[in-house]
Protein backbone atom coordinates (compact mmCIF):
# COMPACT_ATOMS: atom_id res chain seq x y z
CA MET A 1 -19.03 75.17 190.04
CA GLN A 2 -18.48 76.41 186.54
CA LEU A 3 -21.55 77.32 184.09
CA LEU A 4 -21.59 77.62 180.86
CA ILE A 5 -24.42 79.31 178.93
CA VAL A 6 -25.34 78.94 175.11
CA HIS A 7 -27.88 81.35 173.85
CA ASP A 8 -27.81 83.23 170.47
CA ASP A 9 -29.70 85.99 171.79
CA ALA A 10 -27.07 88.23 173.23
CA GLU A 11 -29.79 90.21 175.58
CA VAL A 12 -31.37 86.77 176.80
CA GLY A 13 -27.93 85.24 177.41
CA GLU A 14 -26.59 88.40 179.51
CA GLN A 15 -29.59 88.68 181.58
CA LEU A 16 -29.33 84.85 182.43
CA ALA A 17 -25.63 85.40 183.12
CA GLY A 18 -26.41 88.29 185.56
CA MET A 19 -28.87 86.24 187.23
CA VAL A 20 -26.15 83.63 188.05
CA ALA A 21 -23.95 86.50 189.26
CA ASP A 22 -26.32 88.16 191.40
CA TYR A 23 -27.80 85.06 193.04
CA THR A 24 -25.32 82.30 193.04
CA ALA A 25 -21.49 81.91 194.01
CA HIS A 26 -20.59 80.08 190.60
CA ALA A 27 -18.59 81.01 187.93
CA CYS A 28 -20.05 81.65 184.72
CA ASP A 29 -19.29 82.15 180.86
CA LEU A 30 -21.59 82.81 178.01
CA VAL A 31 -21.29 82.26 174.34
CA GLU A 32 -23.70 82.64 171.28
CA ASN A 33 -23.35 79.12 169.37
CA ASP A 34 -21.95 75.71 169.49
CA ALA A 35 -18.90 76.34 167.59
CA ALA A 36 -17.81 79.22 170.42
CA ALA A 37 -19.09 76.59 172.94
CA GLN A 38 -16.39 74.02 171.36
CA ARG A 39 -13.56 76.57 171.32
CA TRP A 40 -14.37 77.28 175.28
CA ALA A 41 -14.09 73.80 175.80
CA GLN A 42 -10.66 73.37 174.57
CA GLN A 43 -9.55 76.24 176.27
CA HIS A 44 -11.02 75.49 179.84
CA ALA A 45 -10.45 72.10 182.15
CA ARG A 46 -13.60 72.29 183.90
CA CYS A 47 -17.67 72.49 183.02
CA ASP A 48 -19.82 71.34 185.54
CA LEU A 49 -23.20 72.92 184.16
CA LEU A 50 -24.64 73.92 180.53
CA LEU A 51 -27.38 75.89 180.07
CA ALA A 52 -28.29 75.79 176.29
CA GLN A 53 -30.76 76.85 173.94
CA LEU A 54 -32.39 73.66 172.71
CA GLU A 55 -32.19 75.08 169.04
CA GLY A 56 -31.22 78.82 167.72
CA ASN A 57 -29.08 80.34 165.25
CA GLY A 58 -25.98 77.96 165.28
CA VAL A 59 -27.21 76.21 168.29
CA ASP A 60 -28.49 72.69 168.85
CA GLY A 61 -28.75 72.29 172.13
CA LEU A 62 -28.93 68.51 172.08
CA ALA A 63 -26.30 67.67 169.98
CA LEU A 64 -23.77 70.28 171.92
CA GLY A 65 -24.63 68.33 175.16
CA GLY A 66 -23.59 65.09 174.00
CA ALA A 67 -20.68 66.38 172.28
CA LEU A 68 -19.48 68.62 175.91
CA SER A 69 -20.42 65.41 177.81
CA GLU A 70 -17.74 63.36 176.24
CA ILE A 71 -15.11 65.99 177.11
CA PHE A 72 -16.57 67.04 180.74
CA ALA A 73 -17.01 64.30 182.81
CA GLY A 74 -20.04 64.52 184.92
CA LEU A 75 -21.51 67.32 183.08
CA GLN A 76 -24.74 68.33 184.01
CA VAL A 77 -27.24 70.21 181.30
CA LEU A 78 -30.23 72.38 181.48
CA PHE A 79 -32.41 73.14 178.40
CA LEU A 80 -33.84 76.54 177.32
CA PRO A 81 -36.48 75.36 174.40
CA THR A 82 -38.39 78.28 172.55
CA TYR A 83 -41.99 76.90 172.63
CA PRO A 84 -44.24 78.83 175.25
CA ALA A 85 -44.41 77.26 178.69
CA ALA A 86 -48.46 77.45 178.10
CA GLU A 87 -48.26 74.41 175.77
CA GLN A 88 -46.76 72.00 178.46
CA ARG A 89 -49.39 69.06 179.04
CA LEU A 90 -47.33 67.82 181.89
CA GLU A 91 -45.66 69.73 184.41
CA ILE A 92 -42.17 68.02 186.20
CA GLY A 93 -41.39 68.60 189.71
CA ARG A 94 -37.65 68.55 189.19
CA THR A 95 -37.60 70.12 185.63
CA LYS A 96 -34.60 70.47 184.01
CA VAL A 97 -36.39 72.35 180.78
CA PHE A 98 -37.31 75.80 180.92
CA PRO A 99 -39.39 76.99 178.00
CA GLU A 100 -40.39 80.69 177.57
CA PRO A 101 -41.22 82.70 179.54
CA ILE A 102 -38.27 81.28 181.73
CA ASP A 103 -39.16 80.58 185.47
CA GLY A 104 -36.23 82.32 187.25
CA GLU A 105 -37.02 80.81 190.75
CA ARG A 106 -37.22 77.08 189.22
CA LEU A 107 -34.25 77.90 187.19
CA LEU A 108 -31.94 78.88 190.22
CA GLU A 109 -33.36 75.99 192.29
CA ALA A 110 -32.20 73.89 189.26
CA ILE A 111 -29.13 75.38 189.00
CA GLU A 112 -28.42 74.52 192.55
CA THR A 113 -29.44 70.91 192.46
CA ALA A 114 -27.02 70.68 189.67
CA ALA A 115 -24.02 71.91 191.93
CA SER A 116 -25.01 69.51 194.67
CA ALA A 117 -24.63 66.56 192.70
CA GLN A 118 -21.85 64.18 193.61
CA GLU A 119 -18.64 64.56 191.26
CA GLY A 120 -19.45 62.23 188.41
CA ALA A 121 -22.86 61.70 188.74
CA PRO A 122 -25.26 60.80 185.85
CA ASP A 123 -27.03 63.51 184.01
CA LEU A 124 -30.43 62.50 184.72
CA PHE A 125 -33.69 63.85 183.61
CA HIS A 126 -37.33 62.76 184.17
CA VAL A 127 -38.40 60.71 181.13
CA LEU A 128 -41.63 62.74 180.78
CA ASP A 129 -39.54 66.22 180.65
CA VAL A 130 -37.32 64.53 177.73
CA LEU A 131 -40.19 63.58 175.76
CA GLN A 132 -42.71 66.50 176.20
CA MET A 133 -39.54 68.70 175.04
CA CYS A 134 -38.83 66.79 171.97
CA CYS A 135 -42.62 66.53 171.00
CA LEU A 136 -42.99 70.48 171.53
CA SER A 137 -39.79 71.14 169.51
CA LYS A 138 -41.25 68.89 166.61
CA ARG A 139 -38.39 66.81 167.02
CA SER A 140 -38.32 63.76 164.34
CA GLY A 141 -35.69 60.80 164.91
CA ALA A 142 -35.05 58.44 168.17
CA VAL A 143 -34.68 59.24 171.60
CA GLN A 144 -32.73 56.14 173.40
CA ILE A 145 -33.67 56.07 177.30
CA VAL A 146 -31.77 54.42 179.96
CA LYS A 147 -32.98 53.46 183.43
CA GLN A 148 -30.42 51.22 185.14
CA SER A 149 -30.38 48.26 183.18
CA GLU A 150 -33.39 48.66 181.10
CA THR A 151 -33.07 50.39 177.90
CA GLY A 152 -36.09 51.66 175.22
CA ILE A 153 -36.27 53.86 172.30
CA VAL A 154 -39.23 56.19 171.38
CA TYR A 155 -39.43 57.38 167.53
CA LEU A 156 -40.46 60.67 166.78
CA ARG A 157 -41.74 62.04 163.38
CA ASP A 158 -42.39 66.09 163.31
CA GLY A 159 -43.04 66.18 167.30
CA LYS A 160 -45.36 63.20 167.01
CA ILE A 161 -44.42 59.87 168.65
CA VAL A 162 -44.87 57.29 166.43
CA HIS A 163 -43.33 54.03 167.85
CA ALA A 164 -41.47 52.85 170.47
CA GLU A 165 -39.63 49.68 171.62
CA GLY A 166 -38.79 48.29 175.00
CA ALA A 167 -36.69 44.95 175.80
CA VAL A 168 -39.63 42.80 175.07
CA THR A 169 -42.71 45.25 174.13
CA ARG A 170 -43.36 47.39 171.06
CA GLY A 171 -45.71 50.30 170.25
CA THR A 172 -48.21 51.79 172.64
CA GLU A 173 -47.71 49.03 175.34
CA ALA A 174 -43.67 49.82 175.15
CA LEU A 175 -44.71 53.77 175.45
CA LEU A 176 -46.77 53.05 178.60
CA GLU A 177 -43.98 51.30 180.13
CA ILE A 178 -40.83 53.56 179.52
CA ALA A 179 -43.25 56.81 180.29
CA GLY A 180 -43.31 55.12 183.74
CA TRP A 181 -39.53 55.06 184.31
CA GLY A 182 -39.01 58.02 186.26
CA GLU A 183 -35.45 59.71 186.08
CA ILE A 184 -33.36 58.51 183.17
CA GLU A 185 -30.58 59.09 181.10
CA PHE A 186 -31.09 59.52 177.43
CA ALA A 187 -29.06 60.28 173.76
CA TYR A 188 -30.93 61.86 170.58
CA ASP A 189 -30.72 60.44 167.08
CA SER A 190 -32.08 62.73 164.46
CA SER A 191 -30.98 60.25 161.52
CA VAL A 192 -33.29 57.48 162.73
CA ARG A 193 -36.50 56.40 161.49
CA ALA A 194 -39.30 54.10 162.30
CA ALA A 195 -42.85 52.66 161.10
CA GLU A 196 -45.58 53.77 162.56
CA THR A 197 -47.55 51.93 165.25
CA ILE A 198 -48.63 54.61 167.75
CA SER A 199 -51.53 57.15 166.29
CA THR A 200 -52.42 58.78 169.72
CA PRO A 201 -51.58 61.86 169.96
CA TRP A 202 -48.28 62.37 172.38
CA ASP A 203 -49.87 64.41 174.75
CA GLU A 204 -52.73 62.11 175.13
CA ALA A 205 -50.42 59.02 175.20
CA LEU A 206 -48.39 60.43 178.23
CA VAL A 207 -51.17 61.36 179.91
CA GLN A 208 -52.49 58.06 179.82
CA ALA A 209 -49.39 56.75 181.20
CA VAL A 210 -49.10 59.05 183.80
CA VAL A 211 -52.39 58.19 184.72
CA GLN A 212 -51.90 54.38 184.42
CA HIS A 213 -48.52 54.38 186.64
CA GLN A 214 -50.22 56.69 189.24
CA LYS A 215 -53.47 53.84 189.71
CA ALA A 216 -50.50 51.31 190.18
CA LYS A 217 -48.88 53.61 192.92
CA ALA A 218 -52.11 53.77 194.60
CA ARG A 219 -52.77 49.86 194.39
CA GLU A 220 -49.26 49.29 195.89
CA ALA A 221 -50.16 52.27 198.93
CA ALA A 222 -46.76 53.59 198.31
CA GLU A 223 -45.89 56.17 200.43
CA GLY A 224 -43.20 58.51 200.53
CA ASP A 225 -42.23 61.46 198.08
CA PRO A 226 -45.24 63.26 196.24
CA PRO A 227 -45.36 62.53 192.48
CA SER A 228 -42.77 63.93 190.37
CA PHE A 229 -44.92 64.91 187.57
CA GLU A 230 -48.89 65.45 186.99
CA ALA A 231 -51.05 65.81 183.99
CA ARG A 232 -52.49 69.62 183.55
CA SER A 233 -53.87 71.81 181.10
CA PRO A 234 -52.47 75.09 179.77
CA GLU A 235 -52.70 77.68 182.53
CA PRO A 236 -52.19 81.49 182.51
CA ALA A 237 -48.38 82.43 183.51
CA ALA A 238 -48.02 82.86 187.19
CA PRO A 239 -46.90 86.34 188.46
CA PRO A 240 -43.38 86.68 188.97
CA ARG A 241 -42.00 85.60 191.87
CA LYS A 242 -39.08 87.05 194.13
CA ARG A 243 -35.89 86.26 191.65
CA GLY A 244 -37.99 85.53 189.08
CA PHE A 245 -37.90 88.47 186.58
CA PHE A 246 -37.52 85.57 183.80
CA ALA A 247 -41.43 85.15 184.16
CA ALA A 248 -41.93 88.28 181.81
CA LEU A 249 -38.80 87.63 179.15
CA ARG A 250 -39.61 86.74 175.95
CA ARG A 251 -37.48 86.74 173.06
CA GLY A 252 -37.96 89.22 170.74
């Protein structure tokens, strides 16, 4: 598998590339910004996994992921936002978002999950992973969310969820519906705006959606895999685990 790491901090980028070299058999290149990534793409016939800063000096991970997905079919993407992991209110089982300090063990697991994906498989994220990432990174605009034949849009303003639209639902009802879709594909447009119909804080709204869908599952007596997400309060960072030296790594 061919990886491309995009990070504006050379020290962090080099440690990420070193981790990939030390603990995987995958090829890995490192560049410092979106422009360099675009030049790299022109010179390479293959890229299977993009590991990109969500935002940095010359880096917009969402825009870059979309652009490179047009070049490399089946590209998988992992994001590195700069907000602290302790700010997360929802913990996602198979996350593709790694805030600081980066959990090296989970990042390696995500890399291997991407490596095992079938050729041309869609780049799936958990819907709550995407919404939490966009809110904590203070994004404005619209997130289009696709679940098979279903499509929804969640509108943001400075990290606050202000409106949502499903096929027939609007506002809070639509948000609660969309938040239960599990694994989805998504696209982001920073230019789109909408009138505010949702006043509930984003984390309360998403936790409410979690509880609602968990109760629905309990009523249906569903069995199988454990829930892929859970509501939680911020907790102190866990001690570093094997291969998890990024647990102590923060950008300077």
